[in-house]
Amino acid sequence: MTLTLHSEVVMPCGCCGIPSKFTFRSQSDQIVCERCQKHGADRDKRNQLHVGWWQQREADFRSRIAELEQSVVEQHHRLEEIKTQIVARYFADTPELRRWLQDALVDDAEKQRNSAFRHRDRAMRILWILTRDHQPNETGKACVCGQKGCEVFRTVGEDGYEGLAIWEQRQVARARDGKSNALPPRHRDYVSQLDSIPSYDFRWNRLAS
């Protein structure tokens, strides 16, 4: 991959996968963000930090999605107000006018909402990869990795694993129905031609190791 030199670019960190700002000085520069440069090579510490960062991104995405959904509702209400005003002043109340107004005012808000959904799926996809070796055991009280007090297991928590399971089930259902989905290549139900999220192969391969 050829890097863009001497200009600020935004791209996924080669370690945590989170999009960050970089200014490369040479083609040999590492694609590693400042936060990842500080956590060192300790695998458990790295995984714990990565999971925490992605969970925060997921929470931010959920908040943004809620805001966008509320914005769509408000724009629908506003649409009806504008339609009524325009119809009363200039036009007859025709189906064509109603469709034109709806498309013009709602399309942008729905595009923003769909973009937030794609970002959320990317975050959940990374979290799924990071937790493959850190799943609840049969009791649900400890991690299958066998490490006492596993930091990744503790950080994700019961709610996190439950949310991942629900997300995974939805993506599997979409894949089996022939719809676009965000399943990672390591997933048994992954079908590459259906995948709508950029894979950044160099990043997945590193995280999967």
N, C-alpha and C. Protein backbone atom coordinates (compact mmCIF):
# COMPACT_ATOMS: atom_id res chain seq x y z
N MET A 1 0.84 -1.19 0.00
CA MET A 1 0.00 0.00 0.00
C MET A 1 0.88 1.25 0.00
N THR A 2 0.60 2.17 -0.89
CA THR A 2 1.36 3.41 -0.99
C THR A 2 0.75 4.47 -0.08
N LEU A 3 1.58 5.04 0.77
CA LEU A 3 1.11 6.05 1.71
C LEU A 3 1.16 7.44 1.08
N THR A 4 0.21 8.28 1.46
CA THR A 4 0.23 9.69 1.06
C THR A 4 1.16 10.44 2.02
N LEU A 5 2.18 11.06 1.49
CA LEU A 5 3.20 11.69 2.33
C LEU A 5 2.96 13.18 2.49
N HIS A 6 3.36 13.69 3.69
CA HIS A 6 3.41 15.12 4.00
C HIS A 6 2.05 15.81 3.98
N SER A 7 0.99 15.05 4.04
CA SER A 7 -0.36 15.61 4.12
C SER A 7 -1.16 14.81 5.13
N GLU A 8 -2.00 15.49 5.88
CA GLU A 8 -2.80 14.79 6.89
C GLU A 8 -3.87 13.93 6.20
N VAL A 9 -3.91 12.66 6.60
CA VAL A 9 -4.91 11.73 6.08
C VAL A 9 -5.57 11.03 7.25
N VAL A 10 -6.78 10.54 7.04
CA VAL A 10 -7.50 9.76 8.03
C VAL A 10 -7.64 8.34 7.52
N MET A 11 -7.15 7.36 8.30
CA MET A 11 -7.23 5.96 7.90
C MET A 11 -7.19 5.08 9.14
N PRO A 12 -7.62 3.81 9.02
CA PRO A 12 -7.64 2.93 10.20
C PRO A 12 -6.24 2.65 10.73
N CYS A 13 -6.09 2.70 12.02
CA CYS A 13 -4.83 2.33 12.66
C CYS A 13 -4.57 0.85 12.40
N GLY A 14 -3.33 0.51 12.08
CA GLY A 14 -2.97 -0.88 11.81
C GLY A 14 -2.99 -1.76 13.03
N CYS A 15 -3.16 -1.19 14.21
CA CYS A 15 -3.18 -1.97 15.45
C CYS A 15 -4.59 -2.11 16.00
N CYS A 16 -5.24 -0.99 16.31
CA CYS A 16 -6.57 -1.04 16.91
C CYS A 16 -7.69 -0.98 15.88
N GLY A 17 -7.38 -0.53 14.66
CA GLY A 17 -8.39 -0.45 13.62
C GLY A 17 -9.25 0.79 13.66
N ILE A 18 -9.03 1.67 14.63
CA ILE A 18 -9.85 2.88 14.74
C ILE A 18 -9.31 3.96 13.80
N PRO A 19 -10.15 4.56 12.98
CA PRO A 19 -9.69 5.63 12.08
C PRO A 19 -9.03 6.77 12.87
N SER A 20 -7.85 7.17 12.45
CA SER A 20 -7.10 8.22 13.12
C SER A 20 -6.43 9.12 12.07
N LYS A 21 -5.96 10.27 12.52
CA LYS A 21 -5.26 11.19 11.64
C LYS A 21 -3.77 10.84 11.61
N PHE A 22 -3.18 10.82 10.42
CA PHE A 22 -1.76 10.53 10.25
C PHE A 22 -1.15 11.53 9.28
N THR A 23 0.12 11.85 9.53
CA THR A 23 0.92 12.60 8.57
C THR A 23 2.20 11.81 8.36
N PHE A 24 2.33 11.11 7.25
CA PHE A 24 3.46 10.23 7.00
C PHE A 24 4.61 10.99 6.36
N ARG A 25 5.81 10.66 6.81
CA ARG A 25 7.01 11.30 6.27
C ARG A 25 7.74 10.41 5.28
N SER A 26 7.51 9.10 5.37
CA SER A 26 8.15 8.17 4.44
C SER A 26 7.26 6.95 4.26
N GLN A 27 7.55 6.17 3.22
CA GLN A 27 6.75 4.98 2.95
C GLN A 27 6.97 3.88 3.99
N SER A 28 8.00 4.03 4.79
CA SER A 28 8.29 3.02 5.82
C SER A 28 7.63 3.33 7.17
N ASP A 29 6.92 4.47 7.27
CA ASP A 29 6.26 4.83 8.52
C ASP A 29 5.20 3.78 8.87
N GLN A 30 5.09 3.50 10.17
CA GLN A 30 4.08 2.55 10.63
C GLN A 30 2.71 3.23 10.71
N ILE A 31 1.67 2.46 10.39
CA ILE A 31 0.30 2.98 10.48
C ILE A 31 -0.23 2.62 11.86
N VAL A 32 0.30 3.30 12.87
CA VAL A 32 -0.07 3.03 14.26
C VAL A 32 -0.36 4.37 14.94
N CYS A 33 -1.55 4.48 15.53
CA CYS A 33 -1.96 5.75 16.14
C CYS A 33 -1.19 6.02 17.43
N GLU A 34 -1.28 7.24 17.92
CA GLU A 34 -0.53 7.63 19.12
C GLU A 34 -0.93 6.80 20.34
N ARG A 35 -2.22 6.49 20.47
CA ARG A 35 -2.66 5.70 21.64
C ARG A 35 -2.05 4.31 21.61
N CYS A 36 -1.99 3.69 20.43
CA CYS A 36 -1.44 2.34 20.34
C CYS A 36 0.08 2.33 20.52
N GLN A 37 0.73 3.42 20.20
CA GLN A 37 2.17 3.50 20.42
C GLN A 37 2.52 3.46 21.90
N LYS A 38 1.54 3.82 22.75
CA LYS A 38 1.79 3.89 24.19
C LYS A 38 1.50 2.60 24.94
N HIS A 39 0.64 1.71 24.36
CA HIS A 39 0.26 0.54 25.15
C HIS A 39 1.26 -0.60 25.08
N GLY A 40 2.26 -0.50 24.20
CA GLY A 40 3.30 -1.53 24.18
C GLY A 40 2.82 -2.81 23.53
N ALA A 41 3.61 -3.87 23.71
CA ALA A 41 3.34 -5.14 23.03
C ALA A 41 2.58 -6.13 23.88
N ASP A 42 2.27 -5.77 25.14
CA ASP A 42 1.54 -6.71 26.01
C ASP A 42 0.17 -7.01 25.41
N ARG A 43 -0.08 -8.27 25.08
CA ARG A 43 -1.30 -8.63 24.36
C ARG A 43 -2.56 -8.39 25.18
N ASP A 44 -2.54 -8.79 26.46
CA ASP A 44 -3.73 -8.62 27.29
C ASP A 44 -4.06 -7.14 27.48
N LYS A 45 -3.03 -6.34 27.74
CA LYS A 45 -3.25 -4.90 27.91
C LYS A 45 -3.76 -4.29 26.61
N ARG A 46 -3.17 -4.71 25.49
CA ARG A 46 -3.60 -4.20 24.19
C ARG A 46 -5.06 -4.53 23.92
N ASN A 47 -5.45 -5.79 24.13
CA ASN A 47 -6.84 -6.19 23.88
C ASN A 47 -7.82 -5.46 24.78
N GLN A 48 -7.43 -5.30 26.04
CA GLN A 48 -8.31 -4.60 26.99
C GLN A 48 -8.55 -3.16 26.52
N LEU A 49 -7.48 -2.48 26.14
CA LEU A 49 -7.61 -1.10 25.69
C LEU A 49 -8.43 -1.01 24.40
N HIS A 50 -8.14 -1.91 23.45
CA HIS A 50 -8.85 -1.88 22.18
C HIS A 50 -10.35 -2.09 22.39
N VAL A 51 -10.70 -3.06 23.22
CA VAL A 51 -12.12 -3.34 23.48
C VAL A 51 -12.79 -2.11 24.09
N GLY A 52 -12.10 -1.49 25.05
CA GLY A 52 -12.66 -0.30 25.69
C GLY A 52 -12.87 0.83 24.70
N TRP A 53 -11.90 1.03 23.82
CA TRP A 53 -12.02 2.10 22.82
C TRP A 53 -13.18 1.84 21.87
N TRP A 54 -13.30 0.59 21.41
CA TRP A 54 -14.38 0.27 20.48
C TRP A 54 -15.74 0.33 21.15
N GLN A 55 -15.81 -0.05 22.42
CA GLN A 55 -17.08 0.07 23.14
C GLN A 55 -17.50 1.53 23.25
N GLN A 56 -16.53 2.41 23.48
CA GLN A 56 -16.84 3.84 23.56
C GLN A 56 -17.32 4.35 22.21
N ARG A 57 -16.68 3.89 21.12
CA ARG A 57 -17.12 4.28 19.79
C ARG A 57 -18.54 3.79 19.51
N GLU A 58 -18.81 2.55 19.95
CA GLU A 58 -20.16 2.01 19.76
C GLU A 58 -21.19 2.87 20.50
N ALA A 59 -20.84 3.24 21.75
CA ALA A 59 -21.76 4.09 22.53
C ALA A 59 -21.97 5.43 21.83
N ASP A 60 -20.89 5.99 21.28
CA ASP A 60 -21.01 7.26 20.56
C ASP A 60 -21.89 7.09 19.32
N PHE A 61 -21.70 5.96 18.60
CA PHE A 61 -22.51 5.71 17.41
C PHE A 61 -23.98 5.56 17.78
N ARG A 62 -24.26 4.84 18.87
CA ARG A 62 -25.64 4.66 19.29
C ARG A 62 -26.29 6.01 19.62
N SER A 63 -25.53 6.86 20.30
CA SER A 63 -26.04 8.18 20.63
C SER A 63 -26.30 8.99 19.36
N ARG A 64 -25.37 8.89 18.41
CA ARG A 64 -25.52 9.64 17.16
C ARG A 64 -26.72 9.12 16.37
N ILE A 65 -26.90 7.79 16.35
CA ILE A 65 -28.04 7.20 15.64
C ILE A 65 -29.34 7.68 16.25
N ALA A 66 -29.40 7.72 17.60
CA ALA A 66 -30.61 8.20 18.28
C ALA A 66 -30.89 9.64 17.89
N GLU A 67 -29.84 10.46 17.84
CA GLU A 67 -30.02 11.85 17.43
C GLU A 67 -30.53 11.96 16.00
N LEU A 68 -29.96 11.15 15.10
CA LEU A 68 -30.37 11.19 13.71
C LEU A 68 -31.80 10.70 13.54
N GLU A 69 -32.17 9.66 14.29
CA GLU A 69 -33.54 9.17 14.20
C GLU A 69 -34.53 10.23 14.67
N GLN A 70 -34.15 10.94 15.74
CA GLN A 70 -35.00 12.02 16.22
C GLN A 70 -35.07 13.14 15.18
N SER A 71 -33.94 13.37 14.51
CA SER A 71 -33.91 14.40 13.47
C SER A 71 -34.83 14.03 12.31
N VAL A 72 -34.85 12.74 11.95
CA VAL A 72 -35.74 12.29 10.88
C VAL A 72 -37.20 12.54 11.26
N VAL A 73 -37.55 12.22 12.51
CA VAL A 73 -38.93 12.44 12.98
C VAL A 73 -39.27 13.92 12.91
N GLU A 74 -38.34 14.76 13.40
CA GLU A 74 -38.60 16.20 13.38
C GLU A 74 -38.73 16.73 11.96
N GLN A 75 -37.90 16.19 11.05
CA GLN A 75 -37.99 16.66 9.67
C GLN A 75 -39.28 16.20 9.00
N HIS A 76 -39.77 15.03 9.38
CA HIS A 76 -41.06 14.59 8.86
C HIS A 76 -42.16 15.56 9.29
N HIS A 77 -42.12 15.97 10.57
CA HIS A 77 -43.10 16.93 11.06
C HIS A 77 -42.95 18.27 10.32
N ARG A 78 -41.72 18.68 10.16
CA ARG A 78 -41.46 19.94 9.46
C ARG A 78 -41.92 19.85 8.01
N LEU A 79 -41.72 18.67 7.41
CA LEU A 79 -42.15 18.45 6.04
C LEU A 79 -43.65 18.69 5.89
N GLU A 80 -44.41 18.16 6.84
CA GLU A 80 -45.86 18.34 6.76
C GLU A 80 -46.25 19.81 6.89
N GLU A 81 -45.54 20.53 7.76
CA GLU A 81 -45.82 21.96 7.91
C GLU A 81 -45.53 22.72 6.62
N ILE A 82 -44.35 22.45 6.03
CA ILE A 82 -43.97 23.15 4.80
C ILE A 82 -44.91 22.78 3.66
N LYS A 83 -45.25 21.50 3.57
CA LYS A 83 -46.15 21.06 2.51
C LYS A 83 -47.49 21.80 2.60
N THR A 84 -48.00 21.86 3.82
CA THR A 84 -49.29 22.53 4.01
C THR A 84 -49.22 24.00 3.59
N GLN A 85 -48.12 24.65 3.98
CA GLN A 85 -47.96 26.06 3.64
C GLN A 85 -47.85 26.28 2.13
N ILE A 86 -47.04 25.44 1.46
CA ILE A 86 -46.85 25.60 0.02
C ILE A 86 -48.12 25.28 -0.74
N VAL A 87 -48.76 24.18 -0.34
CA VAL A 87 -49.99 23.78 -1.02
C VAL A 87 -51.05 24.87 -0.89
N ALA A 88 -51.18 25.40 0.33
CA ALA A 88 -52.19 26.42 0.55
C ALA A 88 -51.92 27.68 -0.26
N ARG A 89 -50.65 27.96 -0.52
CA ARG A 89 -50.32 29.22 -1.19
C ARG A 89 -50.21 29.09 -2.70
N TYR A 90 -49.66 27.96 -3.17
CA TYR A 90 -49.33 27.89 -4.60
C TYR A 90 -50.00 26.75 -5.38
N PHE A 91 -50.16 25.58 -4.73
CA PHE A 91 -50.53 24.41 -5.52
C PHE A 91 -51.78 23.73 -5.00
N ALA A 92 -52.27 22.83 -5.82
CA ALA A 92 -53.30 21.91 -5.37
C ALA A 92 -52.60 20.77 -4.63
N ASP A 93 -53.29 20.15 -3.70
CA ASP A 93 -52.69 19.07 -2.91
C ASP A 93 -52.63 17.80 -3.75
N THR A 94 -51.56 17.64 -4.50
CA THR A 94 -51.43 16.49 -5.40
C THR A 94 -50.42 15.49 -4.84
N PRO A 95 -50.53 14.21 -5.19
CA PRO A 95 -49.54 13.21 -4.76
C PRO A 95 -48.14 13.53 -5.25
N GLU A 96 -48.01 14.09 -6.46
CA GLU A 96 -46.68 14.41 -7.00
C GLU A 96 -45.96 15.44 -6.13
N LEU A 97 -46.68 16.46 -5.70
CA LEU A 97 -46.08 17.48 -4.85
C LEU A 97 -45.63 16.87 -3.52
N ARG A 98 -46.47 16.02 -2.94
CA ARG A 98 -46.15 15.42 -1.66
C ARG A 98 -44.87 14.57 -1.76
N ARG A 99 -44.75 13.79 -2.84
CA ARG A 99 -43.56 12.96 -3.02
C ARG A 99 -42.31 13.82 -3.22
N TRP A 100 -42.43 14.88 -3.99
CA TRP A 100 -41.28 15.75 -4.23
C TRP A 100 -40.77 16.38 -2.95
N LEU A 101 -41.67 16.89 -2.13
CA LEU A 101 -41.27 17.52 -0.87
C LEU A 101 -40.65 16.50 0.08
N GLN A 102 -41.22 15.33 0.14
CA GLN A 102 -40.70 14.31 1.06
C GLN A 102 -39.30 13.90 0.65
N ASP A 103 -39.08 13.67 -0.64
CA ASP A 103 -37.76 13.26 -1.11
C ASP A 103 -36.73 14.34 -0.84
N ALA A 104 -37.10 15.59 -1.05
CA ALA A 104 -36.14 16.69 -0.92
C ALA A 104 -35.70 16.91 0.52
N LEU A 105 -36.61 16.74 1.48
CA LEU A 105 -36.30 17.11 2.86
C LEU A 105 -35.82 15.94 3.72
N VAL A 106 -36.22 14.73 3.37
CA VAL A 106 -35.93 13.58 4.24
C VAL A 106 -34.71 12.80 3.77
N ASP A 107 -34.39 12.87 2.48
CA ASP A 107 -33.33 12.05 1.92
C ASP A 107 -32.00 12.25 2.63
N ASP A 108 -31.62 13.50 2.89
CA ASP A 108 -30.33 13.78 3.52
C ASP A 108 -30.25 13.22 4.93
N ALA A 109 -31.31 13.38 5.70
CA ALA A 109 -31.30 12.86 7.08
C ALA A 109 -31.19 11.34 7.09
N GLU A 110 -31.84 10.67 6.16
CA GLU A 110 -31.77 9.21 6.11
C GLU A 110 -30.38 8.73 5.69
N LYS A 111 -29.73 9.49 4.81
CA LYS A 111 -28.36 9.14 4.41
C LYS A 111 -27.43 9.23 5.61
N GLN A 112 -27.58 10.27 6.43
CA GLN A 112 -26.75 10.40 7.62
C GLN A 112 -27.00 9.25 8.59
N ARG A 113 -28.25 8.88 8.75
CA ARG A 113 -28.57 7.77 9.65
C ARG A 113 -27.95 6.47 9.16
N ASN A 114 -28.03 6.21 7.84
CA ASN A 114 -27.46 4.99 7.29
C ASN A 114 -25.94 4.96 7.46
N SER A 115 -25.31 6.13 7.35
CA SER A 115 -23.87 6.21 7.56
C SER A 115 -23.52 5.85 9.00
N ALA A 116 -24.32 6.32 9.96
CA ALA A 116 -24.08 5.99 11.37
C ALA A 116 -24.24 4.49 11.60
N PHE A 117 -25.20 3.86 10.94
CA PHE A 117 -25.38 2.42 11.06
C PHE A 117 -24.15 1.68 10.54
N ARG A 118 -23.58 2.15 9.44
CA ARG A 118 -22.39 1.48 8.89
C ARG A 118 -21.21 1.61 9.84
N HIS A 119 -21.04 2.77 10.45
CA HIS A 119 -19.95 2.95 11.43
C HIS A 119 -20.17 2.03 12.64
N ARG A 120 -21.42 1.92 13.08
CA ARG A 120 -21.70 1.03 14.21
C ARG A 120 -21.36 -0.41 13.86
N ASP A 121 -21.71 -0.84 12.65
CA ASP A 121 -21.42 -2.21 12.24
C ASP A 121 -19.92 -2.46 12.19
N ARG A 122 -19.16 -1.46 11.74
CA ARG A 122 -17.70 -1.62 11.69
C ARG A 122 -17.14 -1.79 13.11
N ALA A 123 -17.67 -1.01 14.07
CA ALA A 123 -17.21 -1.13 15.45
C ALA A 123 -17.56 -2.51 16.03
N MET A 124 -18.78 -2.98 15.77
CA MET A 124 -19.19 -4.28 16.28
C MET A 124 -18.38 -5.40 15.64
N ARG A 125 -18.03 -5.21 14.39
CA ARG A 125 -17.23 -6.22 13.68
C ARG A 125 -15.85 -6.37 14.32
N ILE A 126 -15.21 -5.26 14.63
CA ILE A 126 -13.90 -5.30 15.29
C ILE A 126 -14.03 -5.93 16.67
N LEU A 127 -15.05 -5.55 17.42
CA LEU A 127 -15.26 -6.09 18.77
C LEU A 127 -15.47 -7.60 18.70
N TRP A 128 -16.17 -8.07 17.70
CA TRP A 128 -16.39 -9.51 17.53
C TRP A 128 -15.07 -10.23 17.34
N ILE A 129 -14.18 -9.65 16.53
CA ILE A 129 -12.87 -10.26 16.29
C ILE A 129 -12.04 -10.28 17.58
N LEU A 130 -12.05 -9.18 18.32
CA LEU A 130 -11.23 -9.08 19.53
C LEU A 130 -11.68 -10.03 20.63
N THR A 131 -12.94 -10.42 20.62
CA THR A 131 -13.46 -11.25 21.71
C THR A 131 -13.55 -12.73 21.36
N ARG A 132 -13.01 -13.14 20.22
CA ARG A 132 -13.12 -14.56 19.85
C ARG A 132 -12.45 -15.47 20.86
N ASP A 133 -11.34 -15.06 21.43
CA ASP A 133 -10.62 -15.88 22.42
C ASP A 133 -11.01 -15.52 23.85
N HIS A 134 -12.01 -14.68 23.99
CA HIS A 134 -12.42 -14.22 25.32
C HIS A 134 -13.95 -14.25 25.41
N GLN A 135 -14.49 -15.46 25.52
CA GLN A 135 -15.92 -15.67 25.60
C GLN A 135 -16.30 -16.18 27.00
N PRO A 136 -17.55 -15.94 27.44
CA PRO A 136 -17.98 -16.49 28.73
C PRO A 136 -17.95 -18.01 28.71
N ASN A 137 -17.51 -18.62 29.82
CA ASN A 137 -17.52 -20.08 29.91
C ASN A 137 -18.93 -20.57 30.20
N GLU A 138 -19.07 -21.85 30.52
CA GLU A 138 -20.41 -22.43 30.72
C GLU A 138 -21.16 -21.76 31.86
N THR A 139 -20.44 -21.28 32.85
CA THR A 139 -21.10 -20.63 33.99
C THR A 139 -21.46 -19.18 33.68
N GLY A 140 -20.79 -18.62 32.68
CA GLY A 140 -21.02 -17.23 32.35
C GLY A 140 -20.34 -16.26 33.30
N LYS A 141 -19.55 -16.79 34.23
CA LYS A 141 -18.90 -15.96 35.26
C LYS A 141 -17.42 -15.74 35.01
N ALA A 142 -16.85 -16.48 34.05
CA ALA A 142 -15.42 -16.37 33.79
C ALA A 142 -15.17 -16.54 32.30
N CYS A 143 -13.92 -16.27 31.89
CA CYS A 143 -13.56 -16.32 30.48
C CYS A 143 -13.02 -17.69 30.11
N VAL A 144 -13.31 -18.14 28.90
CA VAL A 144 -12.83 -19.44 28.43
C VAL A 144 -11.31 -19.46 28.25
N CYS A 145 -10.68 -18.29 28.23
CA CYS A 145 -9.22 -18.26 28.07
C CYS A 145 -8.51 -18.83 29.28
N GLY A 146 -9.24 -18.93 30.40
CA GLY A 146 -8.66 -19.52 31.61
C GLY A 146 -7.88 -18.57 32.48
N GLN A 147 -7.69 -17.36 32.02
CA GLN A 147 -6.94 -16.38 32.80
C GLN A 147 -7.81 -15.81 33.91
N LYS A 148 -7.36 -15.88 35.11
CA LYS A 148 -8.14 -15.37 36.24
C LYS A 148 -8.27 -13.86 36.13
N GLY A 149 -9.49 -13.37 36.23
CA GLY A 149 -9.73 -11.93 36.13
C GLY A 149 -9.42 -11.37 34.76
N CYS A 150 -9.74 -12.13 33.71
CA CYS A 150 -9.45 -11.70 32.33
C CYS A 150 -9.97 -10.27 32.11
N GLU A 151 -9.08 -9.38 31.69
CA GLU A 151 -9.44 -7.98 31.54
C GLU A 151 -10.41 -7.76 30.38
N VAL A 152 -10.20 -8.50 29.27
CA VAL A 152 -11.10 -8.33 28.13
C VAL A 152 -12.51 -8.77 28.51
N PHE A 153 -12.62 -9.94 29.16
CA PHE A 153 -13.93 -10.46 29.58
C PHE A 153 -14.60 -9.47 30.53
N ARG A 154 -13.84 -8.92 31.47
CA ARG A 154 -14.41 -8.00 32.43
C ARG A 154 -14.82 -6.69 31.76
N THR A 155 -14.02 -6.23 30.81
CA THR A 155 -14.31 -4.95 30.15
C THR A 155 -15.56 -5.04 29.28
N VAL A 156 -15.69 -6.13 28.52
CA VAL A 156 -16.87 -6.28 27.66
C VAL A 156 -18.13 -6.41 28.50
N GLY A 157 -18.09 -7.27 29.51
CA GLY A 157 -19.21 -7.41 30.43
C GLY A 157 -20.41 -8.13 29.83
N GLU A 158 -21.35 -8.48 30.68
CA GLU A 158 -22.53 -9.25 30.26
C GLU A 158 -23.33 -8.51 29.20
N ASP A 159 -23.54 -7.22 29.38
CA ASP A 159 -24.32 -6.44 28.41
C ASP A 159 -23.62 -6.40 27.06
N GLY A 160 -22.28 -6.28 27.10
CA GLY A 160 -21.52 -6.23 25.86
C GLY A 160 -21.63 -7.51 25.06
N TYR A 161 -21.49 -8.67 25.74
CA TYR A 161 -21.61 -9.95 25.04
C TYR A 161 -23.03 -10.18 24.53
N GLU A 162 -24.00 -9.74 25.30
CA GLU A 162 -25.39 -9.89 24.86
C GLU A 162 -25.65 -9.04 23.61
N GLY A 163 -25.12 -7.81 23.62
CA GLY A 163 -25.27 -6.95 22.45
C GLY A 163 -24.57 -7.52 21.23
N LEU A 164 -23.38 -8.09 21.43
CA LEU A 164 -22.66 -8.72 20.32
C LEU A 164 -23.44 -9.89 19.74
N ALA A 165 -24.03 -10.70 20.63
CA ALA A 165 -24.80 -11.87 20.18
C ALA A 165 -26.00 -11.44 19.34
N ILE A 166 -26.70 -10.39 19.79
CA ILE A 166 -27.86 -9.90 19.04
C ILE A 166 -27.42 -9.36 17.68
N TRP A 167 -26.33 -8.59 17.67
CA TRP A 167 -25.81 -8.05 16.42
C TRP A 167 -25.41 -9.18 15.48
N GLU A 168 -24.70 -10.19 16.00
CA GLU A 168 -24.25 -11.30 15.17
C GLU A 168 -25.45 -12.04 14.57
N GLN A 169 -26.49 -12.30 15.37
CA GLN A 169 -27.66 -13.00 14.87
C GLN A 169 -28.32 -12.24 13.72
N ARG A 170 -28.38 -10.92 13.86
CA ARG A 170 -28.99 -10.11 12.80
C ARG A 170 -28.17 -10.16 11.53
N GLN A 171 -26.84 -10.10 11.67
CA GLN A 171 -25.98 -10.14 10.49
C GLN A 171 -26.03 -11.51 9.81
N VAL A 172 -26.09 -12.58 10.61
CA VAL A 172 -26.19 -13.93 10.05
C VAL A 172 -27.50 -14.07 9.27
N ALA A 173 -28.58 -13.56 9.84
CA ALA A 173 -29.88 -13.63 9.17
C ALA A 173 -29.83 -12.88 7.84
N ARG A 174 -29.17 -11.72 7.82
CA ARG A 174 -29.05 -10.95 6.59
C ARG A 174 -28.23 -11.72 5.56
N ALA A 175 -27.12 -12.34 6.01
CA ALA A 175 -26.27 -13.09 5.09
C ALA A 175 -27.03 -14.27 4.48
N ARG A 176 -27.78 -14.99 5.30
CA ARG A 176 -28.52 -16.16 4.82
C ARG A 176 -29.69 -15.77 3.93
N ASP A 177 -30.16 -14.52 4.07
CA ASP A 177 -31.23 -14.03 3.19
C ASP A 177 -30.67 -13.40 1.92
N GLY A 178 -29.33 -13.45 1.77
CA GLY A 178 -28.72 -12.87 0.58
C GLY A 178 -28.60 -11.38 0.61
N LYS A 179 -28.62 -10.78 1.82
CA LYS A 179 -28.54 -9.34 1.96
C LYS A 179 -27.13 -8.92 2.38
N SER A 180 -26.81 -7.64 2.18
CA SER A 180 -25.51 -7.13 2.62
C SER A 180 -25.41 -7.27 4.13
N ASN A 181 -24.19 -7.52 4.61
CA ASN A 181 -23.99 -7.76 6.04
C ASN A 181 -22.59 -7.35 6.44
N ALA A 182 -22.34 -7.29 7.75
CA ALA A 182 -21.05 -6.83 8.26
C ALA A 182 -20.26 -7.94 8.94
N LEU A 183 -20.56 -9.20 8.64
CA LEU A 183 -19.82 -10.30 9.26
C LEU A 183 -18.36 -10.26 8.84
N PRO A 184 -17.42 -10.48 9.77
CA PRO A 184 -16.00 -10.50 9.42
C PRO A 184 -15.63 -11.77 8.68
N PRO A 185 -14.53 -11.77 7.93
CA PRO A 185 -14.13 -12.94 7.15
C PRO A 185 -13.94 -14.21 8.00
N ARG A 186 -13.62 -14.05 9.28
CA ARG A 186 -13.41 -15.23 10.13
C ARG A 186 -14.71 -15.92 10.50
N HIS A 187 -15.84 -15.28 10.26
CA HIS A 187 -17.12 -15.86 10.67
C HIS A 187 -17.55 -16.96 9.70
N ARG A 188 -18.11 -18.03 10.25
CA ARG A 188 -18.47 -19.20 9.43
C ARG A 188 -19.55 -18.85 8.40
N ASP A 189 -20.36 -17.82 8.65
CA ASP A 189 -21.42 -17.45 7.72
C ASP A 189 -21.01 -16.30 6.81
N TYR A 190 -19.74 -15.92 6.87
CA TYR A 190 -19.28 -14.80 6.04
C TYR A 190 -19.33 -15.17 4.56
N VAL A 191 -19.88 -14.28 3.74
CA VAL A 191 -19.89 -14.44 2.29
C VAL A 191 -19.36 -13.15 1.70
N SER A 192 -18.15 -13.20 1.13
CA SER A 192 -17.43 -11.98 0.77
C SER A 192 -18.22 -11.09 -0.19
N GLN A 193 -18.92 -11.69 -1.16
CA GLN A 193 -19.59 -10.85 -2.14
C GLN A 193 -20.79 -10.10 -1.56
N LEU A 194 -21.23 -10.50 -0.34
CA LEU A 194 -22.35 -9.81 0.27
C LEU A 194 -21.91 -8.73 1.23
N ASP A 195 -20.61 -8.69 1.53
CA ASP A 195 -20.12 -7.81 2.59
C ASP A 195 -20.07 -6.37 2.11
N SER A 196 -20.71 -5.46 2.88
CA SER A 196 -20.77 -4.06 2.47
C SER A 196 -19.81 -3.18 3.23
N ILE A 197 -19.03 -3.75 4.18
CA ILE A 197 -18.10 -2.96 4.98
C ILE A 197 -16.68 -3.20 4.49
N PRO A 198 -15.88 -2.15 4.16
CA PRO A 198 -14.51 -2.36 3.70
C PRO A 198 -13.74 -3.22 4.68
N SER A 199 -12.99 -4.20 4.15
CA SER A 199 -12.36 -5.18 5.04
C SER A 199 -10.99 -4.75 5.54
N TYR A 200 -10.26 -3.89 4.79
CA TYR A 200 -8.91 -3.51 5.18
C TYR A 200 -8.13 -4.76 5.59
N ASP A 201 -7.86 -5.62 4.61
CA ASP A 201 -7.30 -6.94 4.91
C ASP A 201 -6.06 -6.89 5.79
N PHE A 202 -5.17 -5.90 5.56
CA PHE A 202 -3.96 -5.84 6.36
C PHE A 202 -4.29 -5.69 7.84
N ARG A 203 -5.39 -5.02 8.14
CA ARG A 203 -5.75 -4.78 9.53
C ARG A 203 -6.38 -6.03 10.15
N TRP A 204 -7.32 -6.67 9.43
CA TRP A 204 -7.95 -7.86 9.98
C TRP A 204 -6.92 -8.96 10.23
N ASN A 205 -5.99 -9.11 9.27
CA ASN A 205 -4.98 -10.17 9.44
C ASN A 205 -4.15 -9.95 10.68
N ARG A 206 -3.83 -8.70 10.97
CA ARG A 206 -3.04 -8.42 12.15
C ARG A 206 -3.83 -8.69 13.42
N LEU A 207 -5.09 -8.25 13.44
CA LEU A 207 -5.91 -8.46 14.63
C LEU A 207 -6.22 -9.93 14.85
N ALA A 208 -6.29 -10.70 13.75
CA ALA A 208 -6.64 -12.11 13.87
C ALA A 208 -5.48 -12.95 14.37
N SER A 209 -4.25 -12.41 14.33
CA SER A 209 -3.08 -13.19 14.71
C SER A 209 -2.94 -13.29 16.23
